[in-house]
Amino acid sequence: MSDKLWGGLCGGIVLALVIATNPSTAEPVYDIDMYALMSGKCSRVIVAGRDFACKTVAYFHSQQGRADFTVVLDDPVDDSHIISFSGENDRRNKENLYELAIDRMLLKSKHRPKLDGLPVPLSEASTGVCKLVGSFATKRVSTISCRASDRNGKTYELEFESDGSLITIRKFAQSTLPTEVRRAKQMAQLECRLKAEVAKILPRDLTAYILRCLGEGSEEPVLVR
């Protein structure tokens, strides 16, 4: 996929991959201020004992300090199957190693309850760690390795290898979290963008596709900087 198509879609698509859960309300909120999209392949993805292939791997950082490594699974029976290794404690060292301590797994599937027509991810308390070899500053990542176990003993694993391409980094200007109405619109728009990515919609056809998907006559863009 070309950089133009990839970059144009991902500003909206990738936000749909992670919906952070507010522990006090269990409602999804958008507070992502940066994401990094990696190009490469997954040599190993295990979700609760099952092997999967992956479509996309991305890293997110939120305004509140939480970070996530998110994997869009290549599941032939569930096009909403997405997992995130999530945590608040991270560290970097001089050897280009970034580590994130995992305290929860975010699990999204077509079987989850829906808010405004979109699945709300299940948040499972977990322990584990993700390790990224590389640097966001230089936009180069070599490998990502994640291991986590939830409170029920289910295990989750990720082994990702870069193809050597520079990673795509986007930053989002969000001074405040959106209202419920605004959030519902964002969720619908981002879900349509994710569907457009999977369907490999060309840039010239993207707006028309999203408008048909939304069933309305306008779209409010995601603000990026």
C-alpha atoms as a PDB file:
ATOM      1  CA  MET A   1       0.000   0.000   0.000  1.00  0.00           C
ATOM      2  CA  SER A   2       1.309   3.455  -0.899  1.00  0.00           C
ATOM      3  CA  ASP A   3       2.408   5.917   1.785  1.00  0.00           C
ATOM      4  CA  LYS A   4      -0.276   8.352   0.593  1.00  0.00           C
ATOM      5  CA  LEU A   5      -3.104   5.870   1.048  1.00  0.00           C
ATOM      6  CA  TRP A   6      -1.664   4.427   4.247  1.00  0.00           C
ATOM      7  CA  GLY A   7      -1.088   7.788   5.884  1.00  0.00           C
ATOM      8  CA  GLY A   8      -4.363   9.263   4.698  1.00  0.00           C
ATOM      9  CA  LEU A   9      -6.446   6.464   6.118  1.00  0.00           C
ATOM     10  CA  CYS A  10      -4.567   5.805   9.316  1.00  0.00           C
ATOM     11  CA  GLY A  11      -5.186   9.217  10.853  1.00  0.00           C
ATOM     12  CA  GLY A  12      -8.734   8.013  11.400  1.00  0.00           C
ATOM     13  CA  ILE A  13      -8.413   4.238  11.179  1.00  0.00           C
ATOM     14  CA  VAL A  14      -5.985   3.599  13.948  1.00  0.00           C
ATOM     15  CA  LEU A  15      -7.987   5.480  16.561  1.00  0.00           C
ATOM     16  CA  ALA A  16     -10.696   2.899  16.003  1.00  0.00           C
ATOM     17  CA  LEU A  17      -8.294   0.140  16.983  1.00  0.00           C
ATOM     18  CA  VAL A  18      -7.935   1.277  20.597  1.00  0.00           C
ATOM     19  CA  ILE A  19     -10.838   2.434  22.742  1.00  0.00           C
ATOM     20  CA  ALA A  20      -9.482   3.151  26.200  1.00  0.00           C
ATOM     21  CA  THR A  21     -11.850   2.236  29.002  1.00  0.00           C
ATOM     22  CA  ASN A  22     -12.602   4.620  31.840  1.00  0.00           C
ATOM     23  CA  PRO A  23     -12.410   2.407  34.977  1.00  0.00           C
ATOM     24  CA  SER A  24     -15.074   4.410  36.809  1.00  0.00           C
ATOM     25  CA  THR A  25     -17.707   4.367  34.072  1.00  0.00           C
ATOM     26  CA  ALA A  26     -16.638   1.517  31.750  1.00  0.00           C
ATOM     27  CA  GLU A  27     -17.390   3.932  28.917  1.00  0.00           C
ATOM     28  CA  PRO A  28     -14.985   4.283  25.975  1.00  0.00           C
ATOM     29  CA  VAL A  29     -13.111   7.576  25.749  1.00  0.00           C
ATOM     30  CA  TYR A  30     -10.779   9.054  23.157  1.00  0.00           C
ATOM     31  CA  ASP A  31      -7.650  10.535  24.638  1.00  0.00           C
ATOM     32  CA  ILE A  32      -4.957   9.322  22.211  1.00  0.00           C
ATOM     33  CA  ASP A  33      -2.323  11.982  21.568  1.00  0.00           C
ATOM     34  CA  MET A  34       0.105   9.870  19.489  1.00  0.00           C
ATOM     35  CA  TYR A  35       0.252   6.637  17.570  1.00  0.00           C
ATOM     36  CA  ALA A  36       2.966   4.773  15.696  1.00  0.00           C
ATOM     37  CA  LEU A  37       2.123   2.331  12.920  1.00  0.00           C
ATOM     38  CA  MET A  38       4.602  -0.437  12.139  1.00  0.00           C
ATOM     39  CA  SER A  39       5.124  -2.196   8.797  1.00  0.00           C
ATOM     40  CA  GLY A  40       6.173  -5.846   8.934  1.00  0.00           C
ATOM     41  CA  LYS A  41       4.838  -9.254   9.895  1.00  0.00           C
ATOM     42  CA  CYS A  42       3.690 -11.139  12.967  1.00  0.00           C
ATOM     43  CA  SER A  43       5.546 -14.418  13.367  1.00  0.00           C
ATOM     44  CA  ARG A  44       3.440 -15.305  16.424  1.00  0.00           C
ATOM     45  CA  VAL A  45       0.097 -14.134  17.814  1.00  0.00           C
ATOM     46  CA  ILE A  46      -1.663 -16.126  20.539  1.00  0.00           C
ATOM     47  CA  VAL A  47      -4.965 -15.117  22.108  1.00  0.00           C
ATOM     48  CA  ALA A  48      -6.176 -17.306  24.987  1.00  0.00           C
ATOM     49  CA  GLY A  49      -4.402 -20.352  23.577  1.00  0.00           C
ATOM     50  CA  ARG A  50      -5.435 -19.782  19.935  1.00  0.00           C
ATOM     51  CA  ASP A  51      -3.046 -18.921  17.106  1.00  0.00           C
ATOM     52  CA  PHE A  52      -3.844 -16.034  14.767  1.00  0.00           C
ATOM     53  CA  ALA A  53      -2.288 -14.080  11.940  1.00  0.00           C
ATOM     54  CA  CYS A  54      -2.332 -10.286  12.139  1.00  0.00           C
ATOM     55  CA  LYS A  55      -3.281  -7.449   9.813  1.00  0.00           C
ATOM     56  CA  THR A  56      -1.890  -4.438  11.649  1.00  0.00           C
ATOM     57  CA  VAL A  57       0.302  -3.636  14.665  1.00  0.00           C
ATOM     58  CA  ALA A  58       0.345  -0.161  16.217  1.00  0.00           C
ATOM     59  CA  TYR A  59       1.477   1.663  19.346  1.00  0.00           C
ATOM     60  CA  PHE A  60      -0.635   4.294  21.109  1.00  0.00           C
ATOM     61  CA  HIS A  61       0.046   6.835  23.812  1.00  0.00           C
ATOM     62  CA  SER A  62      -2.717   8.697  25.638  1.00  0.00           C
ATOM     63  CA  GLN A  63      -2.938  12.120  27.248  1.00  0.00           C
ATOM     64  CA  GLN A  64      -3.232  10.416  30.631  1.00  0.00           C
ATOM     65  CA  GLY A  65      -0.007   8.412  30.176  1.00  0.00           C
ATOM     66  CA  ARG A  66      -1.449   5.008  29.254  1.00  0.00           C
ATOM     67  CA  ALA A  67       0.169   3.180  26.330  1.00  0.00           C
ATOM     68  CA  ASP A  68      -1.017   0.275  24.201  1.00  0.00           C
ATOM     69  CA  PHE A  69       0.364  -2.163  21.670  1.00  0.00           C
ATOM     70  CA  THR A  70      -2.635  -3.007  19.494  1.00  0.00           C
ATOM     71  CA  VAL A  71      -3.025  -5.939  17.105  1.00  0.00           C
ATOM     72  CA  VAL A  72      -5.752  -6.219  14.485  1.00  0.00           C
ATOM     73  CA  LEU A  73      -6.213  -9.954  14.062  1.00  0.00           C
ATOM     74  CA  ASP A  74      -6.735 -11.693  10.743  1.00  0.00           C
ATOM     75  CA  ASP A  75      -9.786 -13.639  11.897  1.00  0.00           C
ATOM     76  CA  PRO A  76     -11.927 -14.977   9.016  1.00  0.00           C
ATOM     77  CA  VAL A  77     -15.019 -15.224  11.218  1.00  0.00           C
ATOM     78  CA  ASP A  78     -14.716 -11.906  13.073  1.00  0.00           C
ATOM     79  CA  ASP A  79     -13.678  -8.673  11.357  1.00  0.00           C
ATOM     80  CA  SER A  80     -13.910  -6.818  14.702  1.00  0.00           C
ATOM     81  CA  HIS A  81     -11.304  -9.002  16.475  1.00  0.00           C
ATOM     82  CA  ILE A  82      -8.712  -6.657  17.995  1.00  0.00           C
ATOM     83  CA  ILE A  83      -6.516  -7.003  21.101  1.00  0.00           C
ATOM     84  CA  SER A  84      -4.414  -4.447  22.973  1.00  0.00           C
ATOM     85  CA  PHE A  85      -1.596  -4.951  25.485  1.00  0.00           C
ATOM     86  CA  SER A  86      -2.126  -1.957  27.778  1.00  0.00           C
ATOM     87  CA  GLY A  87      -0.197  -0.364  30.625  1.00  0.00           C
ATOM     88  CA  GLU A  88       0.831   2.885  32.351  1.00  0.00           C
ATOM     89  CA  ASN A  89       4.414   2.146  33.409  1.00  0.00           C
ATOM     90  CA  ASP A  90       7.030   2.297  30.666  1.00  0.00           C
ATOM     91  CA  ARG A  91      10.723   2.917  30.394  1.00  0.00           C
ATOM     92  CA  ARG A  92      13.445   3.395  27.787  1.00  0.00           C
ATOM     93  CA  ASN A  93      17.137   2.582  28.035  1.00  0.00           C
ATOM     94  CA  LYS A  94      20.262   3.497  26.107  1.00  0.00           C
ATOM     95  CA  GLU A  95      20.178   0.318  24.036  1.00  0.00           C
ATOM     96  CA  ASN A  96      17.085   1.375  22.072  1.00  0.00           C
ATOM     97  CA  LEU A  97      14.864  -0.842  24.181  1.00  0.00           C
ATOM     98  CA  TYR A  98      11.407   0.364  25.186  1.00  0.00           C
ATOM     99  CA  GLU A  99       9.481  -1.652  27.808  1.00  0.00           C
ATOM    100  CA  LEU A 100       5.836  -1.382  28.801  1.00  0.00           C
ATOM    101  CA  ALA A 101       4.518  -3.162  31.903  1.00  0.00           C
ATOM    102  CA  ILE A 102       1.109  -4.644  31.049  1.00  0.00           C
ATOM    103  CA  ASP A 103      -1.725  -4.315  33.583  1.00  0.00           C
ATOM    104  CA  ARG A 104      -4.708  -5.073  31.351  1.00  0.00           C
ATOM    105  CA  MET A 105      -5.713  -6.646  28.056  1.00  0.00           C
ATOM    106  CA  LEU A 106      -8.357  -4.895  25.950  1.00  0.00           C
ATOM    107  CA  LEU A 107     -10.322  -7.437  23.910  1.00  0.00           C
ATOM    108  CA  LYS A 108     -12.670  -6.387  21.142  1.00  0.00           C
ATOM    109  CA  SER A 109     -14.828  -8.779  19.098  1.00  0.00           C
ATOM    110  CA  LYS A 110     -18.185  -8.917  17.347  1.00  0.00           C
ATOM    111  CA  HIS A 111     -19.637 -10.653  20.412  1.00  0.00           C
ATOM    112  CA  ARG A 112     -19.038  -7.716  22.745  1.00  0.00           C
ATOM    113  CA  PRO A 113     -21.876  -5.385  23.854  1.00  0.00           C
ATOM    114  CA  LYS A 114     -22.224  -2.390  21.574  1.00  0.00           C
ATOM    115  CA  LEU A 115     -22.358   1.349  22.120  1.00  0.00           C
ATOM    116  CA  ASP A 116     -23.874   3.267  19.197  1.00  0.00           C
ATOM    117  CA  GLY A 117     -23.543   0.109  17.109  1.00  0.00           C
ATOM    118  CA  LEU A 118     -19.846  -0.523  17.846  1.00  0.00           C
ATOM    119  CA  PRO A 119     -18.348  -3.243  20.086  1.00  0.00           C
ATOM    120  CA  VAL A 120     -16.996  -2.032  23.440  1.00  0.00           C
ATOM    121  CA  PRO A 121     -13.781  -3.875  24.371  1.00  0.00           C
ATOM    122  CA  LEU A 122     -13.570  -6.141  27.408  1.00  0.00           C
ATOM    123  CA  SER A 123     -10.901  -5.024  29.876  1.00  0.00           C
ATOM    124  CA  GLU A 124      -9.148  -7.972  31.584  1.00  0.00           C
ATOM    125  CA  ALA A 125      -6.745  -7.335  34.472  1.00  0.00           C
ATOM    126  CA  SER A 126      -3.436  -8.866  33.384  1.00  0.00           C
ATOM    127  CA  THR A 127       0.287  -8.933  34.060  1.00  0.00           C
ATOM    128  CA  GLY A 128       3.080  -9.018  31.547  1.00  0.00           C
ATOM    129  CA  VAL A 129       5.447  -6.911  29.479  1.00  0.00           C
ATOM    130  CA  CYS A 130       5.941  -5.639  25.947  1.00  0.00           C
ATOM    131  CA  LYS A 131       9.431  -4.940  24.610  1.00  0.00           C
ATOM    132  CA  LEU A 132      10.142  -2.835  21.541  1.00  0.00           C
ATOM    133  CA  VAL A 133      13.625  -2.815  20.046  1.00  0.00           C
ATOM    134  CA  GLY A 134      14.087   0.477  18.231  1.00  0.00           C
ATOM    135  CA  SER A 135      13.329   4.160  18.684  1.00  0.00           C
ATOM    136  CA  PHE A 136      10.275   6.317  18.057  1.00  0.00           C
ATOM    137  CA  ALA A 137      12.618   9.299  17.655  1.00  0.00           C
ATOM    138  CA  THR A 138      14.415   7.729  14.683  1.00  0.00           C
ATOM    139  CA  LYS A 139      11.199   6.093  13.402  1.00  0.00           C
ATOM    140  CA  ARG A 140      12.900   2.723  13.269  1.00  0.00           C
ATOM    141  CA  VAL A 141      11.672  -0.437  14.982  1.00  0.00           C
ATOM    142  CA  SER A 142      13.248  -3.867  14.705  1.00  0.00           C
ATOM    143  CA  THR A 143      11.036  -6.144  16.771  1.00  0.00           C
ATOM    144  CA  ILE A 144       8.145  -6.100  19.235  1.00  0.00           C
ATOM    145  CA  SER A 145       7.599  -8.882  21.744  1.00  0.00           C
ATOM    146  CA  CYS A 146       4.652  -9.039  24.159  1.00  0.00           C
ATOM    147  CA  ARG A 147       3.684 -11.583  26.818  1.00  0.00           C
ATOM    148  CA  ALA A 148       0.745 -11.298  29.225  1.00  0.00           C
ATOM    149  CA  SER A 149      -1.557 -13.467  31.360  1.00  0.00           C
ATOM    150  CA  ASP A 150      -4.953 -12.425  32.654  1.00  0.00           C
ATOM    151  CA  ARG A 151      -6.518 -13.212  36.031  1.00  0.00           C
ATOM    152  CA  ASN A 152      -8.167 -16.318  34.570  1.00  0.00           C
ATOM    153  CA  GLY A 153      -4.856 -17.777  33.442  1.00  0.00           C
ATOM    154  CA  LYS A 154      -5.370 -17.038  29.738  1.00  0.00           C
ATOM    155  CA  THR A 155      -2.201 -16.074  27.892  1.00  0.00           C
ATOM    156  CA  TYR A 156      -1.574 -13.531  25.143  1.00  0.00           C
ATOM    157  CA  GLU A 157       1.547 -13.299  22.994  1.00  0.00           C
ATOM    158  CA  LEU A 158       2.862 -11.194  20.135  1.00  0.00           C
ATOM    159  CA  GLU A 159       6.050 -11.521  18.101  1.00  0.00           C
ATOM    160  CA  PHE A 160       6.428  -8.838  15.431  1.00  0.00           C
ATOM    161  CA  GLU A 161       9.301  -8.263  12.995  1.00  0.00           C
ATOM    162  CA  SER A 162       9.721  -5.037  11.033  1.00  0.00           C
ATOM    163  CA  ASP A 163      10.281  -5.072   7.270  1.00  0.00           C
ATOM    164  CA  GLY A 164      12.806  -2.269   7.699  1.00  0.00           C
ATOM    165  CA  SER A 165      10.487   0.577   6.689  1.00  0.00           C
ATOM    166  CA  LEU A 166      10.278   3.755   8.732  1.00  0.00           C
ATOM    167  CA  ILE A 167       7.329   3.670  11.104  1.00  0.00           C
ATOM    168  CA  THR A 168       4.446   6.110  10.615  1.00  0.00           C
ATOM    169  CA  ILE A 169       3.938   8.480  13.555  1.00  0.00           C
ATOM    170  CA  ARG A 170       0.961  10.797  13.995  1.00  0.00           C
ATOM    171  CA  LYS A 171       0.165  13.224  16.799  1.00  0.00           C
ATOM    172  CA  PHE A 172      -3.345  14.360  17.658  1.00  0.00           C
ATOM    173  CA  ALA A 173      -4.246  17.803  19.003  1.00  0.00           C
ATOM    174  CA  GLN A 174      -6.948  17.208  21.622  1.00  0.00           C
ATOM    175  CA  SER A 175      -7.245  19.743  24.411  1.00  0.00           C
ATOM    176  CA  THR A 176     -10.360  18.150  25.924  1.00  0.00           C
ATOM    177  CA  LEU A 177     -12.170  14.839  25.662  1.00  0.00           C
ATOM    178  CA  PRO A 178     -15.233  14.861  23.387  1.00  0.00           C
ATOM    179  CA  THR A 179     -18.836  14.972  24.509  1.00  0.00           C
ATOM    180  CA  GLU A 180     -21.005  11.867  24.306  1.00  0.00           C
ATOM    181  CA  VAL A 181     -22.591  13.016  21.038  1.00  0.00           C
ATOM    182  CA  ARG A 182     -19.231  13.932  19.520  1.00  0.00           C
ATOM    183  CA  ARG A 183     -17.734  10.643  20.718  1.00  0.00           C
ATOM    184  CA  ALA A 184     -20.538   8.612  19.122  1.00  0.00           C
ATOM    185  CA  LYS A 185     -19.946  10.387  15.802  1.00  0.00           C
ATOM    186  CA  GLN A 186     -16.204   9.779  16.032  1.00  0.00           C
ATOM    187  CA  MET A 187     -16.730   6.109  16.742  1.00  0.00           C
ATOM    188  CA  ALA A 188     -19.012   5.689  13.726  1.00  0.00           C
ATOM    189  CA  GLN A 189     -16.608   7.569  11.446  1.00  0.00           C
ATOM    190  CA  LEU A 190     -13.579   5.631  12.608  1.00  0.00           C
ATOM    191  CA  GLU A 191     -15.306   2.299  12.256  1.00  0.00           C
ATOM    192  CA  CYS A 192     -16.173   3.218   8.650  1.00  0.00           C
ATOM    193  CA  ARG A 193     -12.543   4.155   8.019  1.00  0.00           C
ATOM    194  CA  LEU A 194     -11.407   0.803   9.361  1.00  0.00           C
ATOM    195  CA  LYS A 195     -13.828  -0.925   6.987  1.00  0.00           C
ATOM    196  CA  ALA A 196     -12.432   1.178   4.139  1.00  0.00           C
ATOM    197  CA  GLU A 197      -8.895   0.037   4.979  1.00  0.00           C
ATOM    198  CA  VAL A 198      -9.894  -3.613   5.001  1.00  0.00           C
ATOM    199  CA  ALA A 199     -11.755  -3.138   1.701  1.00  0.00           C
ATOM    200  CA  LYS A 200      -8.669  -1.371   0.231  1.00  0.00           C
ATOM    201  CA  ILE A 201     -10.668   1.667  -0.870  1.00  0.00           C
ATOM    202  CA  LEU A 202      -8.628   4.062  -3.040  1.00  0.00           C
ATOM    203  CA  PRO A 203      -8.107   7.668  -1.826  1.00  0.00           C
ATOM    204  CA  ARG A 204     -10.301   9.098  -4.573  1.00  0.00           C
ATOM    205  CA  ASP A 205     -13.213   6.901  -3.440  1.00  0.00           C
ATOM    206  CA  LEU A 206     -12.705   7.218   0.319  1.00  0.00           C
ATOM    207  CA  THR A 207     -15.068  10.128   1.045  1.00  0.00           C
ATOM    208  CA  ALA A 208     -17.938   8.615  -0.917  1.00  0.00           C
ATOM    209  CA  TYR A 209     -17.395   5.257   0.768  1.00  0.00           C
ATOM    210  CA  ILE A 210     -17.466   6.761   4.253  1.00  0.00           C
ATOM    211  CA  LEU A 211     -20.586   8.810   3.519  1.00  0.00           C
ATOM    212  CA  ARG A 212     -22.376   5.687   2.289  1.00  0.00           C
ATOM    213  CA  CYS A 213     -21.170   3.805   5.372  1.00  0.00           C
ATOM    214  CA  LEU A 214     -22.383   6.521   7.723  1.00  0.00           C
ATOM    215  CA  GLY A 215     -25.646   7.023   5.887  1.00  0.00           C
ATOM    216  CA  GLU A 216     -25.389  10.788   6.308  1.00  0.00           C
ATOM    217  CA  GLY A 217     -24.186  13.763   4.320  1.00  0.00           C
ATOM    218  CA  SER A 218     -21.145  15.036   6.200  1.00  0.00           C
ATOM    219  CA  GLU A 219     -18.011  13.949   7.971  1.00  0.00           C
ATOM    220  CA  GLU A 220     -15.994  15.809  10.587  1.00  0.00           C
ATOM    221  CA  PRO A 221     -12.267  15.165  10.126  1.00  0.00           C
ATOM    222  CA  VAL A 222      -9.896  14.031  12.875  1.00  0.00           C
ATOM    223  CA  LEU A 223      -7.574  16.916  13.754  1.00  0.00           C
ATOM    224  CA  VAL A 224      -3.907  15.950  13.439  1.00  0.00           C
ATOM    225  CA  ARG A 225      -0.709  17.888  13.722  1.00  0.00           C
END
